[in-house]
Protein backbone atom coordinates (compact mmCIF):
# COMPACT_ATOMS: atom_id res chain seq x y z
CA UNK A 1 18.41 10.38 48.33
CA UNK A 2 15.66 7.74 48.14
CA UNK A 3 13.08 10.21 49.49
CA UNK A 4 14.28 12.89 46.99
CA UNK A 5 13.97 10.41 44.10
CA UNK A 6 10.39 9.87 45.13
CA UNK A 7 9.67 13.53 45.20
CA UNK A 8 10.92 13.81 41.62
CA UNK A 9 7.82 12.17 40.24
CA UNK A 10 6.59 15.29 38.43
CA UNK A 11 9.99 16.35 37.03
CA UNK A 12 10.99 14.88 33.67
CA UNK A 13 14.49 16.21 33.50
CA UNK A 14 15.86 15.54 37.01
CA UNK A 15 17.28 12.40 38.50
CA UNK A 16 19.03 11.40 41.73
CA UNK A 17 21.64 8.52 41.61
CA UNK A 18 21.15 5.26 43.24
CA UNK A 19 22.90 4.64 46.59
CA UNK A 20 25.41 1.78 46.30
CA UNK A 21 26.94 2.04 49.80
CA UNK A 22 26.77 4.54 52.67
CA UNK A 23 28.81 4.83 55.81
CA UNK A 24 29.34 7.80 58.24
CA UNK A 25 32.26 8.84 56.22
CA UNK A 26 31.79 7.57 52.69
CA UNK A 27 28.85 7.75 50.20
CA UNK A 28 29.08 5.59 46.98
CA UNK A 29 26.44 6.28 44.35
CA UNK A 30 25.73 5.33 40.79
CA UNK A 31 27.35 7.20 37.87
CA UNK A 32 25.81 10.49 36.68
CA UNK A 33 25.57 11.20 32.95
CA UNK A 34 27.09 14.31 31.52
CA UNK A 35 29.46 16.87 33.12
CA UNK A 36 29.29 19.43 35.93
CA UNK A 37 27.28 22.42 35.01
CA UNK A 38 30.43 24.47 35.53
CA UNK A 39 31.91 22.76 32.42
CA UNK A 40 28.81 22.79 30.32
CA UNK A 41 29.04 24.44 26.94
CA UNK A 42 25.80 26.46 26.93
CA UNK A 43 25.90 26.84 23.21
CA UNK A 44 25.93 23.04 22.74
CA UNK A 45 22.40 22.93 24.50
CA UNK A 46 19.32 24.13 22.92
CA UNK A 47 17.70 27.17 24.75
CA UNK A 48 14.68 24.98 25.38
CA UNK A 49 16.69 22.22 27.12
CA UNK A 50 18.87 24.71 28.97
CA UNK A 51 15.98 26.72 30.36
CA UNK A 52 13.74 23.68 31.11
CA UNK A 53 16.39 21.93 33.17
CA UNK A 54 17.20 25.11 35.09
CA UNK A 55 13.50 25.81 35.80
CA UNK A 56 12.98 22.23 37.03
CA UNK A 57 15.98 22.42 39.30
CA UNK A 58 14.84 25.54 40.96
CA UNK A 59 11.23 24.30 41.31
CA UNK A 60 12.36 21.03 42.79
CA UNK A 61 14.54 22.88 45.36
CA UNK A 62 11.58 25.23 46.34
CA UNK A 63 9.37 22.11 46.84
CA UNK A 64 12.23 20.58 49.09
CA UNK A 65 12.28 23.68 51.25
CA UNK A 66 8.53 24.14 51.63
CA UNK A 67 6.86 20.75 50.99
CA UNK A 68 9.30 18.01 51.80
CA UNK A 69 11.21 20.21 54.38
CA UNK A 70 14.28 18.16 53.77
CA UNK A 71 16.65 19.48 51.15
CA UNK A 72 20.09 19.19 49.45
CA UNK A 73 22.16 21.67 51.47
CA UNK A 74 25.08 21.82 48.97
CA UNK A 75 23.76 21.94 45.32
CA UNK A 76 26.84 23.78 43.98
CA UNK A 77 27.97 23.52 40.43
CA UNK A 78 30.05 20.45 41.15
CA UNK A 79 27.06 18.56 42.40
CA UNK A 80 24.78 19.19 39.37
CA UNK A 81 25.58 17.18 36.22
CA UNK A 82 23.90 17.93 32.92
CA UNK A 83 24.03 15.67 29.86
CA UNK A 84 23.90 16.78 26.18
CA UNK A 85 20.17 15.80 25.87
CA UNK A 86 19.13 18.25 28.67
CA UNK A 87 18.83 15.90 31.56
CA UNK A 88 20.29 16.86 34.94
CA UNK A 89 21.44 14.77 37.95
CA UNK A 90 21.76 16.09 41.43
CA UNK A 91 24.52 14.15 43.15
CA UNK A 92 26.37 13.95 46.48
CA UNK A 93 23.68 14.18 49.17
CA UNK A 94 26.30 13.98 52.01
CA UNK A 95 25.00 17.34 53.36
CA UNK A 96 21.25 17.82 53.79
CA UNK A 97 19.17 20.36 55.70
CA UNK A 98 15.80 20.05 57.51
CA UNK A 99 13.40 22.77 58.44
CA UNK A 100 10.36 22.58 60.69
CA UNK A 101 6.82 23.41 59.67
CA UNK A 102 6.50 26.77 61.23
CA UNK A 103 9.85 28.10 60.06
CA UNK A 104 9.10 26.84 56.57
CA UNK A 105 5.85 28.78 56.51
CA UNK A 106 7.56 31.98 57.82
CA UNK A 107 10.28 31.56 55.18
CA UNK A 108 7.60 31.27 52.54
CA UNK A 109 6.11 34.54 53.71
CA UNK A 110 9.64 36.11 53.44
CA UNK A 111 10.02 35.04 49.81
CA UNK A 112 6.38 36.05 49.02
CA UNK A 113 7.06 39.47 50.38
CA UNK A 114 10.12 39.76 48.02
CA UNK A 115 8.07 38.58 45.03
CA UNK A 116 5.48 41.26 45.83
CA UNK A 117 7.97 43.99 46.43
CA UNK A 118 6.98 44.34 50.00
CA UNK A 119 9.96 45.32 52.14
CA UNK A 120 7.93 45.97 55.27
CA UNK A 121 6.20 42.57 54.92
CA UNK A 122 9.60 40.91 54.54
CA UNK A 123 10.79 42.58 57.74
CA UNK A 124 7.68 41.42 59.70
CA UNK A 125 7.99 37.81 58.57
CA UNK A 126 11.73 37.76 59.28
CA UNK A 127 11.26 39.17 62.77
CA UNK A 128 8.49 36.58 63.52
CA UNK A 129 10.65 33.69 62.10
CA UNK A 130 13.42 34.68 64.57
CA UNK A 131 13.18 36.73 67.73
CA UNK A 132 13.49 40.22 69.18
CA UNK A 133 15.90 41.47 71.71
CA UNK A 134 15.63 44.31 74.26
CA UNK A 135 17.51 46.53 71.87
CA UNK A 136 15.57 45.58 68.72
CA UNK A 137 14.88 48.38 66.32
CA UNK A 138 12.08 46.94 64.20
CA UNK A 139 11.02 50.16 62.44
CA UNK A 140 14.64 50.68 61.43
CA UNK A 141 14.81 47.12 60.12
CA UNK A 142 11.56 47.64 58.14
CA UNK A 143 13.13 50.66 56.51
CA UNK A 144 16.24 48.74 55.58
CA UNK A 145 14.15 46.01 53.98
CA UNK A 146 11.96 48.65 52.16
CA UNK A 147 15.10 50.09 50.59
CA UNK A 148 16.58 46.57 49.66
CA UNK A 149 13.63 44.64 48.31
CA UNK A 150 12.96 46.80 45.18
CA UNK A 151 16.51 46.05 44.09
CA UNK A 152 16.15 42.29 44.19
CA UNK A 153 12.42 41.72 43.46
CA UNK A 154 12.74 41.45 39.70
CA UNK A 155 16.52 40.94 39.24
CA UNK A 156 17.81 38.12 37.09
CA UNK A 157 20.70 35.84 38.07
CA UNK A 158 22.93 38.09 35.98
CA UNK A 159 22.11 40.99 38.21
CA UNK A 160 21.64 39.27 41.57
CA UNK A 161 23.89 37.38 43.94
CA UNK A 162 21.55 35.81 46.55
CA UNK A 163 24.34 34.86 48.85
CA UNK A 164 25.48 38.53 49.14
CA UNK A 165 21.86 39.70 49.49
CA UNK A 166 21.14 37.16 52.20
CA UNK A 167 24.36 38.27 54.01
CA UNK A 168 23.17 41.83 53.75
CA UNK A 169 19.79 40.95 55.31
CA UNK A 170 21.47 39.06 58.14
CA UNK A 171 23.84 41.86 58.92
CA UNK A 172 21.07 44.48 58.95
CA UNK A 173 19.02 42.31 61.22
CA UNK A 174 21.88 41.83 63.56
CA UNK A 175 22.71 45.59 63.61
CA UNK A 176 19.03 46.26 64.45
CA UNK A 177 19.08 43.85 67.34
CA UNK A 178 17.08 41.06 65.76
CA UNK A 179 18.19 37.47 66.18
CA UNK A 180 17.57 35.56 62.97
CA UNK A 181 16.27 32.03 62.76
CA UNK A 182 19.12 29.42 63.00
CA UNK A 183 17.71 27.45 60.09
CA UNK A 184 18.27 30.44 57.73
CA UNK A 185 22.11 30.10 57.55
CA UNK A 186 22.06 26.45 56.15
CA UNK A 187 19.13 27.01 53.98
CA UNK A 188 20.71 30.30 52.70
CA UNK A 189 23.89 28.30 51.77
CA UNK A 190 21.75 25.82 49.93
CA UNK A 191 19.92 28.67 48.11
CA UNK A 192 23.08 30.52 47.16
CA UNK A 193 24.69 27.30 45.81
CA UNK A 194 21.61 26.60 43.73
CA UNK A 195 21.72 30.09 42.40
CA UNK A 196 25.36 29.63 41.35
CA UNK A 197 24.59 26.30 39.60
CA UNK A 198 21.64 27.72 37.63
CA UNK A 199 23.72 30.85 36.62
CA UNK A 200 26.08 28.54 34.86
CA UNK A 201 23.11 27.38 32.61
CA UNK A 202 20.55 30.11 32.41
CA UNK A 203 21.71 33.48 33.95
CA UNK A 204 18.81 35.29 32.34
CA UNK A 205 16.28 33.54 34.65
CA UNK A 206 14.76 35.28 37.63
CA UNK A 207 14.37 33.10 40.71
CA UNK A 208 11.28 35.18 41.83
CA UNK A 209 9.43 34.33 38.56
CA UNK A 210 9.80 30.54 39.13
CA UNK A 211 8.93 31.01 42.74
CA UNK A 212 5.71 32.72 41.90
CA UNK A 213 4.72 29.80 39.67
CA UNK A 214 5.38 27.32 42.45
CA UNK A 215 3.54 29.23 45.24
CA UNK A 216 -0.04 27.94 44.47
CA UNK A 217 1.16 24.31 44.60
CA UNK A 218 3.13 24.96 47.92
CA UNK A 219 0.27 26.84 49.48
CA UNK A 220 -2.26 24.07 48.54
CA UNK A 221 -0.01 21.48 50.07
CA UNK A 222 0.16 23.57 53.29
CA UNK A 223 -3.63 23.92 53.36
CA UNK A 224 -4.12 20.21 52.96
CA UNK A 225 -1.58 19.63 55.67
CA UNK A 226 -3.22 21.91 57.99
CA UNK A 227 -6.63 20.25 57.42
CA UNK A 228 -5.28 16.74 57.86
CA UNK A 229 -6.76 14.49 60.60
CA UNK A 230 -3.41 14.67 62.53
CA UNK A 231 -3.35 18.54 62.50
CA UNK A 232 -7.03 18.68 63.41
CA UNK A 233 -6.52 16.22 66.35
CA UNK A 234 -3.62 18.34 67.59
CA UNK A 235 -5.57 21.60 67.49
CA UNK A 236 -8.46 19.88 69.31
CA UNK A 237 -6.19 18.61 71.95
CA UNK A 238 -4.54 22.09 72.35
CA UNK A 239 -7.96 23.69 72.67
CA UNK A 240 -9.17 21.10 75.28
CA UNK A 241 -5.93 21.67 77.31
CA UNK A 242 -6.34 25.42 77.09
CA UNK A 243 -10.07 25.24 78.21
CA UNK A 244 -9.10 23.00 81.22
CA UNK A 245 -6.25 25.39 82.18
CA UNK A 246 -8.62 28.37 82.08
CA UNK A 247 -11.22 26.58 84.17
CA UNK A 248 -8.53 25.72 86.75
CA UNK A 249 -7.42 29.35 86.88
CA UNK A 250 -10.99 30.54 87.31
CA UNK A 251 -11.66 28.00 89.99
CA UNK A 252 -8.47 29.05 91.89
CA UNK A 253 -9.48 32.68 91.56
CA UNK A 254 -12.96 31.84 93.03
CA UNK A 255 -11.31 30.04 95.94
CA UNK A 256 -9.01 32.97 96.65
CA UNK A 257 -12.13 35.28 96.82
CA UNK A 258 -14.01 32.89 99.03
CA UNK A 259 -10.98 32.80 101.41
CA UNK A 260 -10.52 36.50 101.09
CA UNK A 261 -6.83 35.95 100.00
CA UNK A 262 -6.97 37.44 96.57
CA UNK A 263 -4.51 40.15 96.01
CA UNK A 264 -4.35 42.36 92.92
CA UNK A 265 -0.97 44.06 92.34
CA UNK A 266 -0.66 47.31 90.58
CA UNK A 267 2.69 48.49 89.26
CA UNK A 268 4.01 51.10 86.95
CA UNK A 269 4.38 50.04 83.31
CA UNK A 270 8.08 50.39 82.31
CA UNK A 271 9.11 49.97 78.61
CA UNK A 272 10.70 46.54 78.14
CA UNK A 273 13.81 48.15 76.57
CA UNK A 274 14.75 49.92 79.86
CA UNK A 275 14.02 46.74 81.80
CA UNK A 276 16.26 44.50 79.65
CA UNK A 277 13.29 42.69 78.30
CA UNK A 278 12.10 41.54 81.70
CA UNK A 279 8.41 41.39 82.64
CA UNK A 280 6.84 44.10 84.83
CA UNK A 281 3.79 43.64 86.98
CA UNK A 282 0.15 43.66 85.86
CA UNK A 283 -0.68 46.50 83.45
CA UNK A 284 -3.51 48.71 84.61
CA UNK A 285 -6.17 47.36 82.14
CA UNK A 286 -5.40 43.70 83.12
CA UNK A 287 -5.42 44.65 86.85
CA UNK A 288 -8.70 46.51 86.49
CA UNK A 289 -10.24 43.57 84.66
CA UNK A 290 -9.23 41.11 87.39
CA UNK A 291 -10.43 43.51 90.13
CA UNK A 292 -13.79 43.79 88.40
CA UNK A 293 -14.04 39.97 88.03
CA UNK A 294 -13.11 39.61 91.79
CA UNK A 295 -15.92 41.96 92.82
CA UNK A 296 -18.45 40.29 90.64
CA UNK A 297 -17.57 36.79 92.04
CA UNK A 298 -17.57 38.12 95.55
CA UNK A 299 -20.96 39.60 94.90
CA UNK A 300 -22.30 36.34 93.66
CA UNK A 301 -20.94 34.48 96.62
CA UNK A 302 -22.59 36.89 99.05
CA UNK A 303 -25.95 36.51 97.32
CA UNK A 304 -25.67 32.72 97.41
């Protein structure tokens, strides 16, 4: 809650209560002004206040998912209080979710594909976020998403139930043999509850519109993060290790050639599906490349 309060610096209409006491079973927080959005009289709020607080709530959650990567996992209508002056308080942070950097980036691609009405792009990002199985039908899943995305790309909260839509995507992915990322279930619960809360205030809003406004800020943050000294040091270390590993493999290959113990195995290429996803032997192009390299190194050794 303290971390969320710090992240609210750019939001004028949102607050998070102070923590008075916290144990593994009990959370005591300061009072929140107003009433639950479920009990709010929309006519008592001006359209300006009603829409402004709804947009800020959605934008804050997007930044939680993609920038902070720690988020309120249960923002249902009972956990969002709104006061008559158009201020909102997000209470009860007893359930939070966390998402790693790579999954967060993949999920961003999923939502960007939805915003751009690109069902095939959604399918590609979803598969990369999860994993395939020996019986995966990726072309079929792409067709499923191509049929689904146009129905939700521009829908308002009056016409769209995100929870049902997410469940539909999960079901189609499972039916097509694609294992979805485990982080999706809790994040989807958070997103569906957020949608329900905002629907109480501003059902005419479209989540995609607000997402598109937030994308530049989110992407800029990710670019800065990628260019940070910590990330640069990690990439340098990974490249150094990869180079050292390649040098060791080449040295071992040269030793095998010198000792005349090098063996190159050729085997039939069998589609992964019929092999249960197991690996076969070297494919002909790889085997030929290794064979050519072996002959070249042997020739160099003889000349020396």
